[in-house]
Amino acid sequence: MKLIWNSEPESNYLLPIGDHVAEVEKAEERKSQYERKGNPDGTCLVLQMTVQSGGKTIRLFDWIDCNMIKRITAVLASAGRPVPSSGMENFEESVLVGQTVHIKVKHVTNKKGETVPVVDQYLAPKAVILGKKAGPSRAKVDTSDIPF
């Protein structure tokens, strides 16, 4: 096969700022080289996600410190997974693999001076955020005409 090289350089597609749907491809525990307050060994939850946008597949990574409970809770709520209760020490990150999460993306400038997309926050359904269960309302039903 003869390769035909395009004379135009490939342009890097920048994921637009805003809300997107992403699929978690990998979720694993890793050690970061940075020590942080309350996390001396740098244990992190690392998420690898893909987003479809503009006919392209964009890969995003998010490193979340193991002591950032609110952010991990937001990830789980966005994926529709049960949120661990307080006092729980062990968490199985593999429950996130294959899950769909709703994210808000922002742009930052990295050390090389490039503008790159990053996950700003994880969005969950309002019912989950407010601590309510989704589903039928709990309206009071008149049972006076039921014969038993």
C-alpha atoms as a PDB file:
ATOM      1  CA  MET A   1       0.000   0.000   0.000  1.00  0.00           C
ATOM      2  CA  LYS A   2       1.279   3.427  -0.857  1.00  0.00           C
ATOM      3  CA  LEU A   3       0.760   6.023   1.858  1.00  0.00           C
ATOM      4  CA  ILE A   4      -0.474   9.425   0.776  1.00  0.00           C
ATOM      5  CA  TRP A   5       0.639  12.033   3.240  1.00  0.00           C
ATOM      6  CA  ASN A   6      -1.493  15.098   3.632  1.00  0.00           C
ATOM      7  CA  SER A   7       0.632  18.220   3.263  1.00  0.00           C
ATOM      8  CA  GLU A   8      -1.505  20.036   5.803  1.00  0.00           C
ATOM      9  CA  PRO A   9      -0.507  19.522   9.439  1.00  0.00           C
ATOM     10  CA  GLU A  10      -3.110  17.822  11.608  1.00  0.00           C
ATOM     11  CA  SER A  11      -4.874  20.263  13.867  1.00  0.00           C
ATOM     12  CA  ASN A  12      -5.487  19.275  17.443  1.00  0.00           C
ATOM     13  CA  TYR A  13      -9.191  19.304  18.199  1.00  0.00           C
ATOM     14  CA  LEU A  14      -9.908  21.101  21.472  1.00  0.00           C
ATOM     15  CA  LEU A  15     -12.936  19.804  23.350  1.00  0.00           C
ATOM     16  CA  PRO A  16     -15.283  22.783  23.814  1.00  0.00           C
ATOM     17  CA  ILE A  17     -15.965  24.275  27.225  1.00  0.00           C
ATOM     18  CA  GLY A  18     -19.282  23.131  28.680  1.00  0.00           C
ATOM     19  CA  ASP A  19     -21.254  20.025  29.593  1.00  0.00           C
ATOM     20  CA  HIS A  20     -20.399  16.680  28.012  1.00  0.00           C
ATOM     21  CA  VAL A  21     -21.167  12.996  28.452  1.00  0.00           C
ATOM     22  CA  ALA A  22     -18.122  10.800  28.990  1.00  0.00           C
ATOM     23  CA  GLU A  23     -17.599   7.058  29.327  1.00  0.00           C
ATOM     24  CA  VAL A  24     -15.179   5.817  31.969  1.00  0.00           C
ATOM     25  CA  GLU A  25     -12.728   3.458  30.266  1.00  0.00           C
ATOM     26  CA  LYS A  26     -10.397   2.920  33.227  1.00  0.00           C
ATOM     27  CA  ALA A  27     -10.618   3.606  36.934  1.00  0.00           C
ATOM     28  CA  GLU A  28      -7.697   2.669  39.112  1.00  0.00           C
ATOM     29  CA  GLU A  29      -5.758   3.550  42.214  1.00  0.00           C
ATOM     30  CA  ARG A  30      -2.334   5.090  41.639  1.00  0.00           C
ATOM     31  CA  LYS A  31       0.307   6.864  43.658  1.00  0.00           C
ATOM     32  CA  SER A  32       1.001  10.458  42.710  1.00  0.00           C
ATOM     33  CA  GLN A  33       4.481  11.874  43.029  1.00  0.00           C
ATOM     34  CA  TYR A  34       3.025  14.816  44.920  1.00  0.00           C
ATOM     35  CA  GLU A  35       2.384  14.630  48.632  1.00  0.00           C
ATOM     36  CA  ARG A  36      -0.640  16.535  49.773  1.00  0.00           C
ATOM     37  CA  LYS A  37      -2.047  17.520  53.112  1.00  0.00           C
ATOM     38  CA  GLY A  38      -3.916  14.558  54.575  1.00  0.00           C
ATOM     39  CA  ASN A  39      -2.608  12.266  51.821  1.00  0.00           C
ATOM     40  CA  PRO A  40       1.119  11.781  52.468  1.00  0.00           C
ATOM     41  CA  ASP A  41       1.619   8.886  50.041  1.00  0.00           C
ATOM     42  CA  GLY A  42      -0.293  10.603  47.205  1.00  0.00           C
ATOM     43  CA  THR A  43      -2.918   7.887  46.653  1.00  0.00           C
ATOM     44  CA  CYS A  44      -5.318   8.943  43.873  1.00  0.00           C
ATOM     45  CA  LEU A  45      -8.300   7.669  41.950  1.00  0.00           C
ATOM     46  CA  VAL A  46      -7.314   7.973  38.281  1.00  0.00           C
ATOM     47  CA  LEU A  47     -10.103   8.073  35.715  1.00  0.00           C
ATOM     48  CA  GLN A  48      -9.564   7.691  31.984  1.00  0.00           C
ATOM     49  CA  MET A  49     -12.633   8.849  30.050  1.00  0.00           C
ATOM     50  CA  THR A  50     -13.624   9.277  26.428  1.00  0.00           C
ATOM     51  CA  VAL A  51     -15.887  11.987  25.066  1.00  0.00           C
ATOM     52  CA  GLN A  52     -17.408  12.077  21.572  1.00  0.00           C
ATOM     53  CA  SER A  53     -17.451  15.619  20.199  1.00  0.00           C
ATOM     54  CA  GLY A  54     -17.343  17.061  16.701  1.00  0.00           C
ATOM     55  CA  GLY A  55     -16.959  13.614  15.160  1.00  0.00           C
ATOM     56  CA  LYS A  56     -13.809  13.021  17.229  1.00  0.00           C
ATOM     57  CA  THR A  57     -13.053  10.875  20.254  1.00  0.00           C
ATOM     58  CA  ILE A  58     -11.310  12.862  22.975  1.00  0.00           C
ATOM     59  CA  ARG A  59      -9.572  11.178  25.914  1.00  0.00           C
ATOM     60  CA  LEU A  60      -9.556  12.920  29.298  1.00  0.00           C
ATOM     61  CA  PHE A  61      -7.779  11.943  32.500  1.00  0.00           C
ATOM     62  CA  ASP A  62      -8.663  13.024  36.018  1.00  0.00           C
ATOM     63  CA  TRP A  63      -6.499  12.400  39.090  1.00  0.00           C
ATOM     64  CA  ILE A  64      -8.553  12.699  42.288  1.00  0.00           C
ATOM     65  CA  ASP A  65      -6.866  12.582  45.715  1.00  0.00           C
ATOM     66  CA  CYS A  66      -8.269   9.819  47.917  1.00  0.00           C
ATOM     67  CA  ASN A  67      -9.105  12.423  50.568  1.00  0.00           C
ATOM     68  CA  MET A  68     -11.289  14.462  48.166  1.00  0.00           C
ATOM     69  CA  ILE A  69     -14.450  12.637  49.278  1.00  0.00           C
ATOM     70  CA  LYS A  70     -16.846  15.246  47.835  1.00  0.00           C
ATOM     71  CA  ARG A  71     -15.345  14.906  44.347  1.00  0.00           C
ATOM     72  CA  ILE A  72     -15.359  11.091  44.488  1.00  0.00           C
ATOM     73  CA  THR A  73     -18.959  11.216  45.706  1.00  0.00           C
ATOM     74  CA  ALA A  74     -19.820  13.508  42.760  1.00  0.00           C
ATOM     75  CA  VAL A  75     -18.244  11.005  40.329  1.00  0.00           C
ATOM     76  CA  LEU A  76     -20.283   8.145  41.792  1.00  0.00           C
ATOM     77  CA  ALA A  77     -23.515  10.175  41.811  1.00  0.00           C
ATOM     78  CA  SER A  78     -22.954  11.229  38.199  1.00  0.00           C
ATOM     79  CA  ALA A  79     -22.456   7.579  37.235  1.00  0.00           C
ATOM     80  CA  GLY A  80     -25.614   6.562  39.115  1.00  0.00           C
ATOM     81  CA  ARG A  81     -23.613   4.394  41.537  1.00  0.00           C
ATOM     82  CA  PRO A  82     -24.203   4.147  45.294  1.00  0.00           C
ATOM     83  CA  VAL A  83     -22.213   6.655  47.311  1.00  0.00           C
ATOM     84  CA  PRO A  84     -20.048   5.179  50.095  1.00  0.00           C
ATOM     85  CA  SER A  85     -21.135   6.002  53.621  1.00  0.00           C
ATOM     86  CA  SER A  86     -18.914   7.864  56.041  1.00  0.00           C
ATOM     87  CA  GLY A  87     -16.508   5.627  57.876  1.00  0.00           C
ATOM     88  CA  MET A  88     -16.057   3.402  54.820  1.00  0.00           C
ATOM     89  CA  GLU A  89     -12.341   2.932  54.244  1.00  0.00           C
ATOM     90  CA  ASN A  90     -12.185   0.675  51.198  1.00  0.00           C
ATOM     91  CA  PHE A  91     -13.612   1.602  47.830  1.00  0.00           C
ATOM     92  CA  GLU A  92     -13.596  -0.582  44.715  1.00  0.00           C
ATOM     93  CA  GLU A  93     -12.883   1.794  41.842  1.00  0.00           C
ATOM     94  CA  SER A  94     -13.636  -0.828  39.176  1.00  0.00           C
ATOM     95  CA  VAL A  95     -17.397  -0.190  39.651  1.00  0.00           C
ATOM     96  CA  LEU A  96     -16.899   2.950  37.560  1.00  0.00           C
ATOM     97  CA  VAL A  97     -15.507   1.180  34.473  1.00  0.00           C
ATOM     98  CA  GLY A  98     -18.001   1.335  31.615  1.00  0.00           C
ATOM     99  CA  GLN A  99     -20.199   3.886  33.377  1.00  0.00           C
ATOM    100  CA  THR A 100     -21.400   7.099  31.760  1.00  0.00           C
ATOM    101  CA  VAL A 101     -20.737  10.326  33.646  1.00  0.00           C
ATOM    102  CA  HIS A 102     -21.841  13.886  32.969  1.00  0.00           C
ATOM    103  CA  ILE A 103     -18.974  16.354  33.199  1.00  0.00           C
ATOM    104  CA  LYS A 104     -18.360  20.071  32.904  1.00  0.00           C
ATOM    105  CA  VAL A 105     -15.166  20.848  30.982  1.00  0.00           C
ATOM    106  CA  LYS A 106     -12.987  23.929  31.277  1.00  0.00           C
ATOM    107  CA  HIS A 107      -9.750  24.938  29.554  1.00  0.00           C
ATOM    108  CA  VAL A 108      -6.430  25.463  31.324  1.00  0.00           C
ATOM    109  CA  THR A 109      -2.935  26.283  30.113  1.00  0.00           C
ATOM    110  CA  ASN A 110      -0.397  23.549  30.873  1.00  0.00           C
ATOM    111  CA  LYS A 111       3.327  23.944  31.602  1.00  0.00           C
ATOM    112  CA  LYS A 112       4.114  23.813  27.868  1.00  0.00           C
ATOM    113  CA  GLY A 113       1.824  26.801  27.241  1.00  0.00           C
ATOM    114  CA  GLU A 114      -0.821  24.690  25.486  1.00  0.00           C
ATOM    115  CA  THR A 115      -4.534  25.076  26.124  1.00  0.00           C
ATOM    116  CA  VAL A 116      -6.008  21.741  27.196  1.00  0.00           C
ATOM    117  CA  PRO A 117      -9.452  20.576  28.347  1.00  0.00           C
ATOM    118  CA  VAL A 118      -9.854  19.328  31.929  1.00  0.00           C
ATOM    119  CA  VAL A 119     -12.776  18.075  34.003  1.00  0.00           C
ATOM    120  CA  ASP A 120     -14.009  20.991  36.093  1.00  0.00           C
ATOM    121  CA  GLN A 121     -16.798  19.092  37.850  1.00  0.00           C
ATOM    122  CA  TYR A 122     -19.001  16.022  37.713  1.00  0.00           C
ATOM    123  CA  LEU A 123     -22.702  16.677  37.252  1.00  0.00           C
ATOM    124  CA  ALA A 124     -25.322  14.496  38.874  1.00  0.00           C
ATOM    125  CA  PRO A 125     -29.110  14.539  38.500  1.00  0.00           C
ATOM    126  CA  LYS A 126     -30.666  17.145  40.808  1.00  0.00           C
ATOM    127  CA  ALA A 127     -32.500  14.438  42.753  1.00  0.00           C
ATOM    128  CA  VAL A 128     -29.181  12.863  43.704  1.00  0.00           C
ATOM    129  CA  ILE A 129     -27.589  16.197  44.567  1.00  0.00           C
ATOM    130  CA  LEU A 130     -30.482  17.144  46.823  1.00  0.00           C
ATOM    131  CA  GLY A 131     -30.364  13.770  48.568  1.00  0.00           C
ATOM    132  CA  LYS A 132     -33.730  12.687  47.192  1.00  0.00           C
ATOM    133  CA  LYS A 133     -34.439   9.436  45.442  1.00  0.00           C
ATOM    134  CA  ALA A 134     -35.596   9.678  41.880  1.00  0.00           C
ATOM    135  CA  GLY A 135     -38.859   7.984  41.076  1.00  0.00           C
ATOM    136  CA  PRO A 136     -42.572   8.338  41.781  1.00  0.00           C
ATOM    137  CA  SER A 137     -43.630  11.118  44.079  1.00  0.00           C
ATOM    138  CA  ARG A 138     -44.647  10.347  47.616  1.00  0.00           C
ATOM    139  CA  ALA A 139     -48.032  11.984  47.252  1.00  0.00           C
ATOM    140  CA  LYS A 140     -50.633  10.937  49.782  1.00  0.00           C
ATOM    141  CA  VAL A 141     -53.229   8.669  48.231  1.00  0.00           C
ATOM    142  CA  ASP A 142     -56.837   8.664  49.408  1.00  0.00           C
ATOM    143  CA  THR A 143     -57.560   5.069  50.443  1.00  0.00           C
ATOM    144  CA  SER A 144     -61.011   5.654  51.955  1.00  0.00           C
ATOM    145  CA  ASP A 145     -62.835   3.900  49.109  1.00  0.00           C
ATOM    146  CA  ILE A 146     -60.718   0.701  49.204  1.00  0.00           C
ATOM    147  CA  PRO A 147     -62.963  -2.096  50.604  1.00  0.00           C
ATOM    148  CA  PHE A 148     -60.343  -3.878  52.727  1.00  0.00           C
END
